[in-house]
Protein backbone atom coordinates (compact mmCIF):
# COMPACT_ATOMS: atom_id res chain seq x y z
CA MET A 1 0.00 0.00 0.00
CA ALA A 2 1.33 3.43 -0.97
CA LEU A 3 1.30 6.38 1.42
CA PRO A 4 -1.90 8.34 0.68
CA PRO A 5 -1.09 11.66 -1.06
CA PHE A 6 -2.84 13.79 1.56
CA ILE A 7 -0.77 12.30 4.39
CA LEU A 8 2.45 12.72 2.41
CA ASN A 9 1.56 16.36 1.75
CA LYS A 10 0.91 16.96 5.44
CA LEU A 11 4.22 15.37 6.41
CA GLN A 12 6.00 17.56 3.84
CA GLN A 13 4.39 20.60 5.44
CA LEU A 14 5.66 19.46 8.84
CA GLU A 15 9.17 18.89 7.50
CA PRO A 16 9.77 21.10 4.43
CA GLY A 17 12.48 19.73 2.18
CA ALA A 18 12.63 16.35 3.89
CA LEU A 19 12.58 13.06 2.00
CA PHE A 20 10.41 10.21 3.26
CA ASP A 21 11.20 6.50 3.24
CA VAL A 22 7.82 4.73 3.22
CA ARG A 23 7.61 1.21 4.59
CA LEU A 24 4.10 1.19 5.98
CA PRO A 25 3.09 1.36 8.69
CA ARG A 26 6.44 3.10 9.32
CA VAL A 27 7.47 6.28 7.52
CA GLN A 28 10.92 7.74 8.22
CA SER A 29 11.99 11.22 7.17
CA SER A 30 15.52 12.21 6.18
CA SER A 31 15.64 14.16 9.46
CA GLY A 32 15.44 10.87 11.34
CA THR A 33 11.88 11.40 12.58
CA ARG A 34 9.75 8.27 12.34
CA TYR A 35 5.97 8.15 11.97
CA PHE A 36 3.42 5.39 12.40
CA VAL A 37 0.66 5.55 9.76
CA LYS A 38 -2.58 3.65 10.23
CA VAL A 39 -5.37 3.68 7.63
CA GLY A 40 -8.63 1.80 8.06
CA ALA A 41 -11.75 0.87 6.14
CA SER A 42 -14.74 3.20 5.96
CA GLY A 43 -16.63 1.01 8.43
CA GLU A 44 -13.95 1.46 11.11
CA LYS A 45 -14.64 5.12 11.87
CA GLU A 46 -15.57 4.56 15.50
CA GLN A 47 -12.55 2.35 16.17
CA TYR A 48 -10.14 4.97 14.85
CA ILE A 49 -11.78 7.90 16.59
CA GLY A 50 -11.86 5.97 19.88
CA GLU A 51 -8.17 5.04 19.69
CA GLU A 52 -7.14 8.52 18.56
CA ARG A 53 -9.06 10.22 21.37
CA SER A 54 -7.71 7.75 23.91
CA LEU A 55 -4.12 8.38 22.83
CA ARG A 56 -4.57 12.15 22.89
CA ASP A 57 -5.98 12.13 26.41
CA MET A 58 -3.31 9.74 27.62
CA HIS A 59 -0.52 11.84 26.12
CA ALA A 60 -1.95 14.90 27.84
CA ALA A 61 -1.94 12.99 31.12
CA ALA A 62 1.46 11.32 30.78
CA PRO A 63 3.58 12.73 27.91
CA GLY A 64 5.78 10.10 26.29
CA LEU A 65 4.02 7.15 27.89
CA VAL A 66 2.01 6.61 24.68
CA PRO A 67 2.86 7.39 21.05
CA LYS A 68 2.14 11.07 20.42
CA MET A 69 -0.63 11.76 17.92
CA VAL A 70 0.44 13.84 14.90
CA MET A 71 -2.70 14.03 12.76
CA SER A 72 -5.95 12.23 12.06
CA GLY A 73 -8.93 12.43 9.74
CA PHE A 74 -10.60 10.75 6.78
CA LEU A 75 -9.55 9.97 3.21
CA ASP A 76 -11.43 9.48 -0.04
CA SER A 77 -10.71 6.69 -2.51
CA ASN A 78 -7.85 8.72 -3.99
CA GLY A 79 -6.13 9.23 -0.65
CA GLU A 80 -7.16 12.87 -0.33
CA SER A 81 -8.84 14.54 2.64
CA GLN A 82 -12.59 13.99 2.92
CA GLY A 83 -14.27 15.84 5.79
CA ASP A 84 -15.66 13.52 8.41
CA SER A 85 -16.41 10.48 6.26
CA GLY A 86 -14.42 8.01 4.16
CA ARG A 87 -11.50 5.90 5.32
CA PRO A 88 -10.25 6.89 8.78
CA TYR A 89 -6.55 7.39 9.41
CA PHE A 90 -4.17 8.63 12.02
CA VAL A 91 -0.47 9.34 12.16
CA SER A 92 1.45 9.10 15.40
CA GLU A 93 5.09 8.98 16.34
CA TYR A 94 6.67 5.59 15.66
CA LYS A 95 8.21 3.74 18.58
CA ASP A 96 10.43 0.68 18.24
CA ILE A 97 8.96 -1.38 21.07
CA GLY A 98 10.48 -4.32 22.90
CA PRO A 99 9.41 -6.42 25.91
CA LEU A 100 8.81 -4.64 29.20
CA SER A 101 11.76 -5.14 31.56
CA SER A 102 11.54 -5.24 35.35
CA GLN A 103 13.15 -1.79 35.60
CA ALA A 104 10.78 -0.32 33.01
CA GLY A 105 7.87 -2.07 34.74
CA ALA A 106 8.64 -0.17 37.92
CA ILE A 107 8.74 3.12 35.99
CA LEU A 108 5.42 2.24 34.35
CA GLY A 109 3.85 1.54 37.74
CA LYS A 110 5.01 4.92 39.01
CA ARG A 111 3.86 6.84 35.94
CA LEU A 112 0.45 5.16 35.99
CA GLY A 113 -0.03 5.99 39.66
CA VAL A 114 1.42 9.51 39.60
CA GLU A 115 0.27 10.73 36.18
CA LEU A 116 -2.33 8.72 34.25
CA HIS A 117 -4.46 7.70 37.23
CA ARG A 118 -4.48 11.23 38.62
CA PHE A 119 -5.72 12.81 35.39
CA LYS A 120 -9.35 13.58 36.17
CA SER A 121 -12.50 14.27 34.21
CA ASP A 122 -14.89 17.07 35.10
CA LYS A 123 -17.67 15.41 33.09
CA GLY A 124 -18.12 12.34 35.26
CA PHE A 125 -17.40 8.67 34.65
CA GLY A 126 -17.16 7.43 31.04
CA PHE A 127 -15.83 8.87 27.80
CA ASP A 128 -16.90 11.20 25.00
CA VAL A 129 -16.85 8.61 22.21
CA PRO A 130 -17.18 4.83 21.86
CA THR A 131 -13.98 2.83 22.24
CA PHE A 132 -13.19 -0.81 21.54
CA CYS A 133 -11.81 -3.38 23.96
CA GLY A 134 -10.53 -5.86 21.42
CA ALA A 135 -13.36 -5.98 18.90
CA THR A 136 -16.04 -5.23 21.52
CA ARG A 137 -17.64 -1.83 21.26
CA MET A 138 -17.82 0.14 24.49
CA ARG A 139 -20.63 2.64 23.99
CA ASN A 140 -19.42 4.93 26.79
CA GLY A 141 -21.13 8.29 27.33
CA TRP A 142 -21.09 10.04 30.70
CA TYR A 143 -22.44 8.86 34.05
CA ASP A 144 -22.72 10.54 37.43
CA THR A 145 -21.52 7.48 39.33
CA TRP A 146 -18.96 4.74 38.85
CA THR A 147 -21.61 2.20 39.82
CA GLU A 148 -23.76 3.16 36.85
CA CYS A 149 -20.82 3.40 34.45
CA PHE A 150 -19.44 -0.03 35.31
CA SER A 151 -22.89 -1.64 35.46
CA VAL A 152 -23.52 -0.59 31.86
CA LYS A 153 -20.30 -2.26 30.75
CA ILE A 154 -21.22 -5.56 32.39
CA LYS A 155 -24.86 -5.46 31.30
CA ASP A 156 -23.91 -4.79 27.68
CA LEU A 157 -21.69 -7.89 27.64
CA LEU A 158 -24.41 -9.99 29.23
CA GLN A 159 -26.93 -8.65 26.70
CA THR A 160 -24.66 -9.64 23.84
CA LEU A 161 -24.42 -13.19 25.17
CA GLN A 162 -28.19 -13.34 25.62
CA ASP A 163 -28.84 -11.98 22.12
CA GLU A 164 -26.56 -14.65 20.67
CA GLY A 165 -28.23 -17.40 22.68
CA ARG A 166 -25.06 -18.16 24.62
CA GLY A 167 -24.10 -18.46 28.26
CA LYS A 168 -27.51 -18.91 29.85
CA ARG A 169 -26.01 -19.52 33.32
CA LEU A 170 -23.63 -16.57 32.90
CA VAL A 171 -26.50 -14.28 32.00
CA GLN A 172 -28.56 -15.41 34.99
CA LYS A 173 -25.70 -15.17 37.49
CA GLY A 174 -24.46 -11.97 35.89
CA GLY A 175 -27.84 -10.40 36.51
CA GLU A 176 -27.48 -11.23 40.19
CA VAL A 177 -24.00 -9.71 40.26
CA CYS A 178 -25.41 -6.52 38.76
CA SER A 179 -28.24 -6.24 41.26
CA ARG A 180 -26.54 -7.54 44.42
CA VAL A 181 -22.79 -7.11 44.11
CA ILE A 182 -21.99 -4.04 42.02
CA PRO A 183 -24.01 -1.55 44.12
CA ALA A 184 -22.62 -3.00 47.35
CA LEU A 185 -18.97 -2.99 46.25
CA LEU A 186 -18.86 0.20 44.24
CA GLY A 187 -21.72 2.36 45.51
CA ASN A 188 -19.93 3.80 48.53
CA LEU A 189 -16.42 4.24 47.12
CA ASP A 190 -14.97 7.71 47.61
CA ILE A 191 -13.30 8.02 44.20
CA GLU A 192 -12.97 10.49 41.34
CA PRO A 193 -13.06 9.57 37.64
CA VAL A 194 -9.47 9.17 36.42
CA LEU A 195 -8.12 8.25 33.01
CA ILE A 196 -7.94 4.51 32.38
CA HIS A 197 -6.05 2.68 29.62
CA GLY A 198 -8.80 0.08 29.58
CA ASP A 199 -6.94 -2.91 28.10
CA LEU A 200 -3.66 -2.97 29.99
CA TRP A 201 -2.38 -6.49 29.41
CA SER A 202 1.25 -7.31 28.69
CA GLY A 203 0.69 -7.29 24.91
CA ASN A 204 -0.19 -3.60 25.10
CA THR A 205 2.89 -2.64 27.10
CA GLY A 206 6.57 -2.49 26.20
CA ILE A 207 9.78 -0.55 26.26
CA ASP A 208 10.94 2.11 23.82
CA ASN A 209 14.16 0.58 22.52
CA GLN A 210 15.60 4.03 21.82
CA THR A 211 15.06 5.49 25.29
CA GLY A 212 14.57 2.49 27.58
CA GLU A 213 11.35 4.07 28.85
CA PRO A 214 8.05 2.17 29.18
CA VAL A 215 5.35 2.57 26.53
CA ILE A 216 1.68 1.57 26.50
CA PHE A 217 -0.57 1.48 23.43
CA ASP A 218 -3.79 0.10 21.88
CA PRO A 219 -6.01 1.70 24.57
CA SER A 220 -9.74 1.45 25.19
CA SER A 221 -9.87 4.47 27.45
CA PHE A 222 -12.50 5.93 29.73
CA TYR A 223 -12.58 7.77 33.04
CA GLY A 224 -13.25 5.42 35.93
CA HIS A 225 -11.83 3.72 39.02
CA ASN A 226 -8.05 3.35 38.83
CA GLU A 227 -8.15 -0.24 40.11
CA PHE A 228 -9.92 -1.32 36.92
CA ASP A 229 -6.64 -1.03 34.99
CA LEU A 230 -4.92 -3.62 37.19
CA ALA A 231 -7.40 -6.41 36.46
CA ILE A 232 -6.37 -7.61 33.01
CA ALA A 233 -2.72 -7.03 33.91
CA ARG A 234 -3.16 -9.71 36.60
CA ILE A 235 -5.20 -12.11 34.45
CA PHE A 236 -2.72 -12.77 31.66
CA GLY A 237 0.57 -12.19 33.45
CA GLY A 238 3.69 -11.04 31.63
CA ILE A 239 3.83 -7.65 33.37
CA PRO A 240 6.72 -7.62 35.88
CA ALA A 241 5.96 -7.76 39.59
CA SER A 242 7.88 -4.49 39.89
CA PHE A 243 4.96 -2.76 38.15
CA PHE A 244 2.44 -3.74 40.83
CA GLU A 245 4.87 -3.20 43.72
CA THR A 246 5.78 0.32 42.61
CA TYR A 247 2.20 1.23 41.71
CA GLU A 248 0.99 0.48 45.24
CA THR A 249 3.68 2.71 46.76
CA VAL A 250 2.34 5.76 44.88
CA MET A 251 -1.35 4.81 44.61
CA PRO A 252 -2.69 3.16 47.78
CA LYS A 253 -5.60 0.75 47.57
CA THR A 254 -9.01 2.37 47.68
CA LYS A 255 -10.86 2.09 50.98
CA PRO A 256 -12.32 -0.16 52.18
CA VAL A 257 -9.10 -2.11 51.65
CA LYS A 258 -10.76 -5.28 53.00
CA GLU A 259 -12.89 -5.38 49.80
CA TYR A 260 -9.95 -4.89 47.42
CA GLN A 261 -9.97 -8.59 46.46
CA GLN A 262 -13.68 -8.55 45.66
CA ARG A 263 -13.31 -5.39 43.56
CA GLY A 264 -10.47 -7.07 41.71
CA ASP A 265 -12.65 -10.11 41.04
CA LEU A 266 -15.40 -7.82 39.75
CA TYR A 267 -13.07 -5.99 37.36
CA GLU A 268 -11.52 -9.26 36.20
CA LEU A 269 -15.05 -10.52 35.53
CA PHE A 270 -15.46 -7.78 32.94
CA HIS A 271 -12.48 -9.07 30.96
CA TYR A 272 -13.47 -12.72 31.26
CA LEU A 273 -16.94 -11.85 29.99
CA ASN A 274 -15.49 -9.79 27.16
CA HIS A 275 -13.24 -12.68 26.12
CA THR A 276 -16.22 -15.01 26.27
CA VAL A 277 -18.05 -12.67 23.87
CA LEU A 278 -15.01 -12.40 21.60
CA PHE A 279 -13.74 -15.97 21.57
CA GLY A 280 -16.61 -18.21 22.67
CA GLY A 281 -17.10 -20.26 25.81
CA GLY A 282 -14.58 -22.73 27.15
CA GLY A 283 -12.01 -21.45 29.61
CA TYR A 284 -13.06 -17.82 29.53
CA ALA A 285 -16.70 -18.63 30.29
CA ALA A 286 -15.65 -20.99 33.08
CA SER A 287 -13.40 -18.31 34.57
CA ALA A 288 -16.21 -15.76 34.36
CA GLU A 289 -18.57 -18.12 36.17
CA ARG A 290 -15.99 -18.80 38.90
CA LYS A 291 -15.67 -15.05 39.48
CA MET A 292 -19.45 -14.70 39.63
CA ASP A 293 -19.72 -17.57 42.11
CA ALA A 294 -17.07 -16.01 44.36
CA LEU A 295 -18.76 -12.61 44.24
CA LEU A 296 -22.21 -14.05 44.95
CA LYS A 297 -20.75 -16.06 47.84
CA TRP A 298 -19.38 -12.80 49.23
CA ALA A 299 -22.80 -11.19 48.79
CA ASN A 300 -24.43 -14.07 50.65
CA SER A 301 -21.95 -13.65 53.51
CA LYS A 302 -23.06 -10.02 53.78
CA ASN A 303 -26.77 -10.97 53.57
CA LEU A 304 -27.14 -8.86 50.44
């Protein structure tokens, strides 16, 4: 695929007189600056807008922790600019990314706790535009409470399973979790909406090979409870223990600390349900049901 003419023209305006070596998705200028170019299909508008907005907010919160956005928009069939329709694209800085080391993991934990998870919204819990966690659309919008915001996320996943005629037990137990567990665990938390990556597993983290600094990417952002971001990081492993250890030194567990484990189970449930929606039943569905059973057992112990 050739570099669309409009994007090339914009890069030439940014760097007059520069020559560009195009090896998509990477474009390198004769100045040494490298760009990452991503062009989608016309039906992927929401995915691109969601990722672009997530990256812009995250860069504002923690400069350098994510690839910096350079430009974005839409292209016609000839690769020229086309208002707010057509094929979506964005251009960001290009980072040569390697595996996250223990040292970089500690830096990432600090930056998440000191910068990203202290970047607050004055609109409430949620996000301006839909985002995608994997291929699953998060409709987002704004909510006055974290309870309502998170409940919508869980209920949408359960509704998808029900609509597809899958996971009858998950849907039934999930309904109980929504009515009995979520209000009890989240309703009284004294928290503010902070910026969340949304899909922070090891495959979306790494190290900038040029600087040695940690990098995160492929977000599904929203403003919510900071502990949500730790859930998928625990599920799949691969993120160094130094990340969690350092994070807790700069961002203490939300009170009541005695319910930290149950909140973690609840946030992990979201990801197990999402993976059940994305990849079918099997292990993910079984893991989701185990989380539900543990949460409902906790609710029973509290006579909820």
